Protein backbone atom coordinates (compact mmCIF):
# COMPACT_ATOMS: atom_id res chain seq x y z
CA MET A 1 -73.41 177.85 64.13
CA GLU A 2 -70.76 175.09 64.60
CA ASN A 3 -73.76 172.33 64.67
CA GLU A 4 -75.52 173.61 61.89
CA PRO A 5 -75.74 171.13 58.78
CA ARG A 6 -74.06 171.86 55.53
CA THR A 7 -76.17 172.23 52.45
CA PRO A 8 -75.03 171.49 48.78
CA ASP A 9 -73.47 174.46 47.07
CA ARG A 10 -75.76 176.99 45.72
CA PRO A 11 -75.02 179.51 42.98
CA THR A 12 -73.58 182.70 43.77
CA PRO A 13 -73.81 185.87 42.07
CA HIS A 14 -70.55 185.40 40.38
CA GLY A 15 -71.35 181.98 38.66
CA PRO A 16 -72.74 178.70 39.15
CA PRO A 17 -71.44 176.15 41.66
CA ALA A 18 -68.12 174.44 41.62
CA ARG A 19 -67.75 171.53 39.50
CA GLN A 20 -68.84 168.27 41.31
CA LEU A 21 -68.08 165.75 38.63
CA PRO A 22 -64.82 164.00 37.95
CA ALA A 23 -63.14 164.83 34.64
CA GLU A 24 -62.83 162.17 31.89
CA LEU A 25 -59.56 160.51 31.73
CA THR A 26 -60.00 159.17 28.09
CA SER A 27 -62.11 160.25 24.83
CA PHE A 28 -65.68 159.38 24.98
CA ILE A 29 -66.67 157.31 21.81
CA GLY A 30 -70.21 157.07 20.07
CA ARG A 31 -73.26 156.95 21.96
CA ASP A 32 -74.98 160.06 20.58
CA THR A 33 -78.33 158.07 20.54
CA GLU A 34 -77.93 157.21 24.17
CA LEU A 35 -76.92 160.24 25.17
CA ALA A 36 -80.05 162.25 23.53
CA ALA A 37 -82.11 159.65 25.36
CA VAL A 38 -81.04 159.95 28.82
CA GLU A 39 -81.45 163.91 28.17
CA ARG A 40 -84.88 163.45 27.06
CA LEU A 41 -85.73 161.20 29.85
CA LEU A 42 -84.58 163.08 32.53
CA GLU A 43 -86.91 166.05 31.31
CA LEU A 44 -89.84 163.81 31.56
CA ALA A 45 -89.05 161.81 34.52
CA ARG A 46 -87.45 161.87 38.13
CA LEU A 47 -85.60 158.78 37.92
CA VAL A 48 -83.82 157.26 34.92
CA THR A 49 -81.93 154.05 35.32
CA VAL A 50 -79.55 152.86 32.80
CA THR A 51 -79.28 149.16 32.69
CA GLY A 52 -77.38 146.69 30.77
CA PRO A 53 -74.79 144.06 31.27
CA GLY A 54 -71.23 144.54 32.78
CA GLY A 55 -68.69 146.13 30.70
CA VAL A 56 -71.27 147.66 28.34
CA GLY A 57 -70.31 151.11 29.26
CA LYS A 58 -73.25 152.07 31.77
CA SER A 59 -71.07 154.39 34.20
CA ARG A 60 -69.33 155.95 31.39
CA LEU A 61 -72.67 156.74 29.44
CA ALA A 62 -74.18 158.28 32.82
CA LEU A 63 -71.11 160.48 33.73
CA ARG A 64 -70.96 161.77 30.52
CA ALA A 65 -74.68 162.63 30.28
CA ALA A 66 -74.27 164.13 33.49
CA THR A 67 -71.38 166.26 32.53
CA LEU A 68 -73.24 167.87 29.47
CA ALA A 69 -76.21 168.48 32.08
CA GLU A 70 -73.90 170.60 34.50
CA ALA A 71 -72.43 172.28 31.41
CA ALA A 72 -75.81 173.25 30.42
CA GLY A 73 -76.70 174.29 33.93
CA GLY A 74 -79.91 172.40 33.79
CA PHE A 75 -79.70 172.21 37.62
CA ALA A 76 -79.61 175.23 40.07
CA ASP A 77 -78.08 173.14 42.97
CA GLY A 78 -75.63 171.23 41.02
CA ILE A 79 -74.88 167.65 40.08
CA ARG A 80 -73.54 165.27 42.71
CA LEU A 81 -72.11 161.57 41.99
CA VAL A 82 -72.37 158.76 44.41
CA GLU A 83 -70.08 155.69 43.96
CA VAL A 84 -72.52 153.19 45.05
CA SER A 85 -70.14 150.55 43.94
CA GLY A 86 -68.02 151.39 47.15
CA VAL A 87 -70.64 150.75 49.79
CA GLN A 88 -70.62 147.25 50.90
CA ALA A 89 -73.67 147.18 53.14
CA PRO A 90 -77.37 148.58 52.76
CA GLU A 91 -77.08 150.36 55.97
CA LEU A 92 -74.33 152.35 54.82
CA LEU A 93 -76.01 153.75 51.84
CA GLY A 94 -77.55 156.86 53.26
CA HIS A 95 -74.13 157.71 54.81
CA ALA A 96 -72.37 157.51 51.39
CA VAL A 97 -75.05 159.84 50.06
CA LEU A 98 -74.68 162.26 52.90
CA GLU A 99 -70.87 162.34 52.30
CA ALA A 100 -71.39 162.90 48.54
CA LEU A 101 -73.66 165.76 49.15
CA ARG A 102 -71.47 167.25 51.77
CA LEU A 103 -74.18 166.93 54.38
CA THR A 104 -73.09 166.54 58.17
CA ASP A 105 -75.78 166.06 61.17
CA SER A 106 -74.79 166.01 64.73
CA THR A 107 -78.12 164.27 65.96
CA ALA A 108 -78.72 160.79 66.00
CA ARG A 109 -81.30 160.41 63.39
CA PRO A 110 -81.26 158.23 60.72
CA PRO A 111 -79.54 159.36 57.26
CA VAL A 112 -82.93 159.28 55.38
CA ASP A 113 -84.49 161.75 57.31
CA VAL A 114 -81.47 164.22 57.22
CA LEU A 115 -81.64 163.63 53.47
CA THR A 116 -85.44 163.87 53.02
CA GLU A 117 -85.09 167.16 55.38
CA GLN A 118 -82.14 168.56 53.21
CA LEU A 119 -83.15 167.92 50.16
CA ALA A 120 -86.79 169.19 50.31
CA ASP A 121 -86.37 172.27 48.47
CA ARG A 122 -83.34 171.56 46.09
CA GLU A 123 -83.12 171.41 42.75
CA LEU A 124 -80.44 168.58 42.27
CA LEU A 125 -79.27 165.89 39.73
CA LEU A 126 -78.06 162.85 41.79
CA VAL A 127 -76.10 160.30 40.27
CA LEU A 128 -76.17 156.80 41.76
CA ASP A 129 -73.53 154.71 39.69
CA GLY A 130 -73.45 150.80 40.52
CA CYS A 131 -76.43 150.09 42.25
CA GLU A 132 -76.67 146.06 41.22
CA HIS A 133 -75.53 144.77 44.24
CA LEU A 134 -77.86 146.96 46.83
CA VAL A 135 -80.82 147.28 44.47
CA ALA A 136 -83.35 146.91 47.26
CA ALA A 137 -81.83 149.66 49.44
CA CYS A 138 -81.20 151.88 46.38
CA ALA A 139 -84.73 151.60 45.48
CA GLU A 140 -86.14 152.30 49.11
CA LEU A 141 -83.74 155.35 49.43
CA VAL A 142 -84.74 156.72 46.05
CA ASP A 143 -88.24 156.20 46.52
CA ALA A 144 -88.23 158.21 49.97
CA LEU A 145 -86.12 161.10 48.41
CA LEU A 146 -88.26 161.59 45.55
CA ARG A 147 -91.30 161.80 47.55
CA ALA A 148 -89.83 164.28 49.91
CA ALA A 149 -88.15 166.36 47.43
CA PRO A 150 -90.11 167.41 44.27
CA ARG A 151 -87.38 168.99 42.23
CA LEU A 152 -84.86 166.08 42.58
CA ARG A 153 -83.95 164.09 39.87
CA VAL A 154 -81.77 160.66 39.87
CA LEU A 155 -79.82 159.12 37.73
CA ALA A 156 -78.83 155.66 38.53
CA THR A 157 -76.84 152.79 36.52
CA SER A 158 -77.39 149.16 37.62
CA ARG A 159 -77.36 145.66 36.02
CA GLU A 160 -80.89 145.20 37.29
CA SER A 161 -83.76 147.50 37.11
CA LEU A 162 -84.62 149.15 40.59
CA ARG A 163 -88.46 148.68 40.15
CA SER A 164 -89.71 151.96 41.37
CA PRO A 165 -92.71 153.55 40.58
CA ALA A 166 -91.15 156.91 39.25
CA GLU A 167 -88.47 154.70 37.07
CA HIS A 168 -87.78 154.99 33.56
CA LEU A 169 -85.53 152.51 32.20
CA LEU A 170 -82.55 152.99 29.44
CA PRO A 171 -81.07 149.70 28.29
CA VAL A 172 -77.73 149.94 27.12
CA THR A 173 -76.37 147.66 24.43
CA PRO A 174 -72.91 147.04 22.93
CA LEU A 175 -71.24 149.30 20.63
CA PRO A 176 -72.36 148.61 16.68
CA VAL A 177 -69.50 146.41 15.02
CA THR A 178 -71.11 147.03 11.61
CA ALA A 179 -69.98 150.30 9.78
CA VAL A 180 -72.42 152.59 8.33
CA PRO A 181 -71.70 153.45 4.84
CA GLY A 182 -68.90 155.94 4.54
CA GLY A 183 -68.23 155.51 7.95
CA THR A 184 -66.15 153.28 10.68
CA ALA A 185 -68.07 151.48 13.24
CA ASP A 186 -67.86 152.73 16.86
CA ALA A 187 -66.45 149.50 18.23
CA VAL A 188 -63.47 149.89 15.77
CA ARG A 189 -63.11 153.75 16.75
CA LEU A 190 -62.69 152.82 20.13
CA PHE A 191 -60.26 150.10 19.67
CA ALA A 192 -58.26 152.28 17.48
CA ASP A 193 -58.38 155.12 20.10
CA ARG A 194 -57.05 153.06 23.03
CA ALA A 195 -54.50 151.07 20.57
CA ALA A 196 -53.00 154.31 19.82
CA ALA A 197 -52.58 155.14 23.63
CA VAL A 198 -50.67 151.89 24.00
CA LEU A 199 -48.70 152.10 20.61
CA PRO A 200 -48.00 155.87 19.51
CA GLU A 201 -47.40 154.39 15.82
CA PHE A 202 -50.81 152.73 15.51
CA VAL A 203 -52.71 153.82 12.84
CA LEU A 204 -56.11 152.23 11.59
CA ASP A 205 -55.87 151.68 7.76
CA GLU A 206 -56.79 149.29 5.16
CA HIS A 207 -54.23 146.87 6.04
CA ASN A 208 -55.51 146.21 9.47
CA ALA A 209 -59.19 147.35 9.49
CA GLU A 210 -60.51 143.84 8.36
CA GLU A 211 -58.75 142.08 11.39
CA ILE A 212 -59.85 145.09 13.69
CA ALA A 213 -63.32 144.59 12.63
CA LEU A 214 -63.23 140.68 13.15
CA LEU A 215 -61.81 141.17 16.54
CA CYS A 216 -64.49 143.81 17.38
CA HIS A 217 -67.13 141.10 16.03
CA ARG A 218 -65.77 138.44 17.92
CA LEU A 219 -65.98 140.47 21.28
CA ASP A 220 -69.44 141.41 20.86
CA GLY A 221 -68.69 145.01 20.82
CA ILE A 222 -68.44 144.97 24.29
CA PRO A 223 -66.35 148.41 25.29
CA LEU A 224 -64.59 146.97 28.21
CA ALA A 225 -63.68 143.84 26.38
CA VAL A 226 -62.50 145.75 23.33
CA GLU A 227 -60.24 148.06 25.62
CA LEU A 228 -58.73 145.30 27.59
CA ALA A 229 -57.80 143.70 23.77
CA ALA A 230 -56.46 146.99 22.73
CA GLY A 231 -54.26 146.65 25.80
CA ARG A 232 -52.64 143.46 24.70
CA LEU A 233 -51.06 145.40 21.69
CA ARG A 234 -48.19 145.70 24.06
CA ALA A 235 -46.83 142.13 23.36
CA LEU A 236 -49.29 140.68 20.60
CA SER A 237 -50.41 141.87 17.12
CA VAL A 238 -54.16 142.24 16.20
CA GLU A 239 -53.98 138.86 14.36
CA GLN A 240 -52.35 137.25 17.48
CA ILE A 241 -55.26 138.52 19.64
CA VAL A 242 -57.73 137.16 17.22
CA LEU A 243 -56.22 133.59 17.22
CA ARG A 244 -56.13 133.59 20.92
CA LEU A 245 -59.91 134.76 21.75
CA ASP A 246 -60.95 131.11 22.05
CA ASP A 247 -59.28 131.25 25.67
CA ARG A 248 -60.44 135.14 26.15
CA PHE A 249 -60.75 134.88 29.89
CA ARG A 250 -57.24 134.28 30.32
CA LEU A 251 -56.28 136.68 27.54
CA LEU A 252 -58.39 139.71 28.43
CA THR A 253 -56.81 140.89 31.50
CA GLY A 254 -54.67 143.57 32.75
CA GLY A 255 -57.29 146.73 33.05
CA ALA A 256 -56.65 150.25 34.76
CA ARG A 257 -54.95 149.74 38.14
CA GLY A 258 -57.28 152.50 39.39
CA ALA A 259 -60.35 150.98 38.42
CA LEU A 260 -62.36 148.75 40.22
CA LEU A 261 -61.40 145.00 40.54
CA ARG A 262 -64.56 143.62 38.30
CA HIS A 263 -63.62 146.11 35.81
CA GLN A 264 -59.83 144.78 35.73
CA THR A 265 -60.65 141.56 33.66
CA LEU A 266 -63.37 140.27 31.66
CA ARG A 267 -63.43 136.98 34.10
CA THR A 268 -64.22 139.24 37.03
CA THR A 269 -66.86 140.99 35.18
CA ILE A 270 -68.74 138.10 34.37
CA GLY A 271 -68.26 136.66 37.88
CA TRP A 272 -69.52 140.00 39.38
CA SER A 273 -72.84 139.20 37.60
CA HIS A 274 -72.92 135.45 38.53
CA GLN A 275 -72.30 136.27 42.19
CA LEU A 276 -75.38 138.92 42.18
CA CYS A 277 -77.84 135.96 40.85
CA ARG A 278 -79.87 134.42 43.31
CA ASN A 279 -79.04 130.85 43.95
CA VAL A 280 -81.81 129.40 41.77
CA TYR A 281 -80.65 131.51 38.94
CA SER A 282 -76.87 130.73 39.35
CA GLY A 283 -77.55 126.70 39.76
CA LEU A 284 -79.50 127.00 36.65
CA ALA A 285 -76.86 128.57 34.74
CA SER A 286 -74.47 126.18 36.14
CA ARG A 287 -76.52 123.19 34.99
CA SER A 288 -77.26 124.76 31.41
CA SER A 289 -73.77 125.78 30.73
CA PRO A 290 -71.93 122.32 29.84
CA VAL A 291 -72.16 121.21 25.94
CA VAL A 292 -72.58 117.76 25.28
CA SER A 293 -71.97 116.27 22.02
CA SER A 294 -75.49 115.10 20.68
CA SER A 295 -74.11 112.64 18.31
CA LYS A 296 -75.41 109.67 19.78
CA ARG A 297 -78.10 111.41 21.94
CA PRO A 298 -81.60 110.50 20.69
CA SER A 299 -83.35 113.54 19.31
CA THR A 300 -86.01 114.54 21.76
CA SER A 301 -88.73 117.65 22.02
CA ALA A 302 -88.41 117.54 26.12
CA PRO A 303 -87.58 120.99 27.48
CA ALA A 304 -83.83 121.46 29.28
CA THR A 305 -82.80 119.61 32.18
CA PRO A 306 -84.45 121.09 35.19
CA SER A 307 -82.75 122.47 38.35
CA ARG A 308 -83.85 119.47 40.17
CA PRO A 309 -85.01 115.97 39.12
CA THR A 310 -88.66 115.26 38.93
CA ARG A 311 -90.21 112.06 40.10
CA SER A 312 -91.17 110.89 36.65
CA SER A 313 -89.06 112.42 33.86
CA THR A 314 -85.71 112.24 34.64
CA CYS A 315 -83.18 109.51 35.69
CA TRP A 316 -81.10 110.10 38.69
CA THR A 317 -78.22 107.99 37.41
CA SER A 318 -77.67 109.95 34.12
CA TRP A 319 -79.36 113.23 34.75
CA SER A 320 -81.15 113.35 31.40
CA PRO A 321 -84.62 113.15 30.15
CA SER A 322 -86.57 110.08 30.01
CA PRO A 323 -87.77 107.50 28.33
CA SER A 324 -84.59 107.19 26.38
CA CYS A 325 -81.76 108.36 29.02
CA CYS A 326 -79.52 105.69 28.55
CA GLY A 327 -78.72 102.64 26.13
CA TRP A 328 -79.41 99.89 28.91
CA ARG A 329 -82.69 98.23 28.98
CA PRO A 330 -84.21 97.74 32.20
CA ARG A 331 -83.98 94.52 33.99
CA PRO A 332 -86.50 93.37 36.85
CA ALA A 333 -85.99 94.33 40.47
CA ARG A 334 -88.13 93.49 43.28
CA ARG A 335 -88.38 95.19 46.54
CA PRO A 336 -88.49 93.43 49.50
CA ALA A 337 -91.86 92.56 50.94
CA GLY A 338 -93.02 94.95 53.52
CA SER A 339 -91.27 97.84 52.38
CA PRO A 340 -93.96 100.12 50.82
CA ASP A 341 -92.99 102.94 48.35
CA ARG A 342 -93.61 106.52 48.86
CA GLY A 343 -97.57 106.27 47.60
CA GLY A 344 -97.98 103.04 49.61
CA ALA A 345 -98.51 101.04 46.27
CA PRO A 346 -96.59 97.80 45.45
CA ALA A 347 -93.04 97.93 44.30
CA ALA A 348 -93.15 98.40 40.67
CA SER A 349 -90.67 96.26 38.47
CA GLY A 350 -88.07 97.57 37.08
CA SER A 351 -84.21 99.04 37.74
CA GLY A 352 -81.92 101.87 37.77
CA CYS A 353 -80.42 103.00 34.33
CA SER A 354 -77.20 104.26 33.01
CA THR A 355 -75.30 104.67 29.86
CA ARG A 356 -72.35 102.46 29.17
CA SER A 357 -68.94 103.15 27.92
CA ALA A 358 -67.53 100.82 25.01
CA SER A 359 -65.26 98.98 27.40
CA THR A 360 -68.47 98.17 29.63
CA ALA A 361 -70.31 96.93 26.47
CA ALA A 362 -67.46 94.84 24.99
CA SER A 363 -66.74 93.13 28.62
CA GLY A 364 -70.65 92.78 29.24
CA SER A 365 -70.49 93.79 32.63
CA ALA A 366 -73.25 96.27 33.81
CA PRO A 367 -72.05 100.09 34.39
CA PRO A 368 -72.09 102.09 37.44
CA GLY A 369 -75.42 103.26 38.67
CA THR A 370 -77.47 99.85 37.48
CA ASN A 371 -80.08 98.95 39.82
CA ARG A 372 -80.45 102.26 41.54
CA GLY A 373 -84.54 102.52 41.06
CA CYS A 374 -85.29 104.81 38.14
CA ALA A 375 -88.89 105.82 37.82
CA ALA A 376 -87.94 106.42 33.96
CA ALA A 377 -87.31 102.66 33.68
CA THR A 378 -90.20 101.12 35.30
CA GLY A 379 -92.62 103.49 33.54
CA THR A 380 -94.97 103.78 36.59
CA GLY A 381 -94.11 107.08 37.93
CA THR A 382 -92.95 105.98 41.33
CA TRP A 383 -89.88 105.55 42.89
CA ALA A 384 -89.08 101.91 44.09
CA TRP A 385 -85.45 101.00 45.60
CA PRO A 386 -83.93 97.69 44.18
CA PRO A 387 -82.80 95.31 47.27
CA GLY A 388 -79.70 96.72 49.19
CA ALA A 389 -79.78 100.12 47.19
CA ARG A 390 -81.48 102.02 49.69
CA PRO A 391 -78.79 104.18 51.66
CA SER A 392 -79.58 104.57 55.43
CA GLY A 393 -82.04 107.34 56.94
CA SER A 394 -83.60 107.62 53.53
CA ALA A 395 -87.26 107.45 52.73
CA PRO A 396 -88.14 103.92 51.49
CA GLY A 397 -89.64 105.50 48.13
CA ARG A 398 -87.69 108.54 47.55
CA PRO A 399 -84.22 107.84 46.30
CA ARG A 400 -81.67 110.38 46.42
CA PRO A 401 -78.94 111.38 43.97
CA PRO A 402 -76.29 109.14 43.50
CA SER A 403 -72.97 110.18 45.19
CA GLY A 404 -69.58 109.56 44.27
CA PRO A 405 -66.79 111.23 42.56
CA ALA A 406 -68.36 110.11 39.23
CA TRP A 407 -71.78 111.22 39.78
CA ARG A 408 -71.51 114.84 41.14
CA THR A 409 -72.62 116.56 38.12
CA PRO A 410 -74.36 116.41 35.01
CA THR A 411 -71.31 116.70 33.22
CA SER A 412 -69.29 113.62 34.86
CA ALA A 413 -72.30 111.78 34.63
CA ARG A 414 -72.47 111.93 30.95
CA ARG A 415 -68.93 110.55 30.70
CA TRP A 416 -70.63 107.27 30.24
CA SER A 417 -71.78 107.85 26.63
CA SER A 418 -73.67 104.88 24.94
CA ALA A 419 -71.33 102.52 22.99
């Protein structure tokens, strides 16, 4: 029949179904423990999710485990790979699975209905690779398929858990950088293998083993970073690569042209993870990333700077914890009569505060940000605008963060180091 939907290939009397997984292009190094764990979990659970940071080798591990399962013939209806990383919208996920399974349907039914009907009696392993950007859609689809197909198994890779009821997690860590007695570390073996592909005369020996071990240690054993560093041997020596690791985002580029864009450089790999973060997490990471010298900062047991300033614990002008957020002492400031603060209480005496530079201290002039109404300086826990400081359109008792090019970020605000 022309309109009859196609079903996955079944074993024939002449042998198992044709190979459905892509062949490996490079050698697989290490991961014996993880491969055994995947095989064990697939026997116990119906959904196994391989998780880990970007570039750690989740996709390669899942593909290798699926290849071994295919060779063992453990699934009567074969193994199918769905490249979820190439799907851009949640509504296209079902169509991508249909295409990977080679199923067609001439009706207008939703893809999930077609999948649940066609996979109801199939013994199949479905590999979903790269689910982190569609984690909610993948979880919903997998849950529906597992409920409709009792003999279906799903092996997923994602930087985030799917949080499905049937899910079993397998966290993947970087390759070991410390060698066992009488052996070579897996990260060093990976570097040597990829380096030999770039330089045929490259040999791992006692002359370069120490430098390669240091290089892999500096790269934390992340397979993607190790492979990118090995590709740099076309122009640099191992010693030169180690010396340039302080600027590793500029150094570790030039991945395989056929790979995904986010797997071609270390910067795009980390940027993809940052892009997937929710706004609250990415904002927290942006505020936590600057490292400020603590030589003149008083020690404090206060927690890290919050994502937004609090009313009584943060100075707007310096974005640092109070009470010792700056080197200037508060001077009295009085609010005009008749302008109540946020709580309706009388205006408290105090002023804004800010740290000052050495040139400002020498001249005796007030630094920028003085008299901006810092609650930490008043010690009252209420906000009070000094005369003429309240911008138009703002509440009388609730100041906003200082504006201007010098006060946009915590990093720029801390340029005014105390003298």
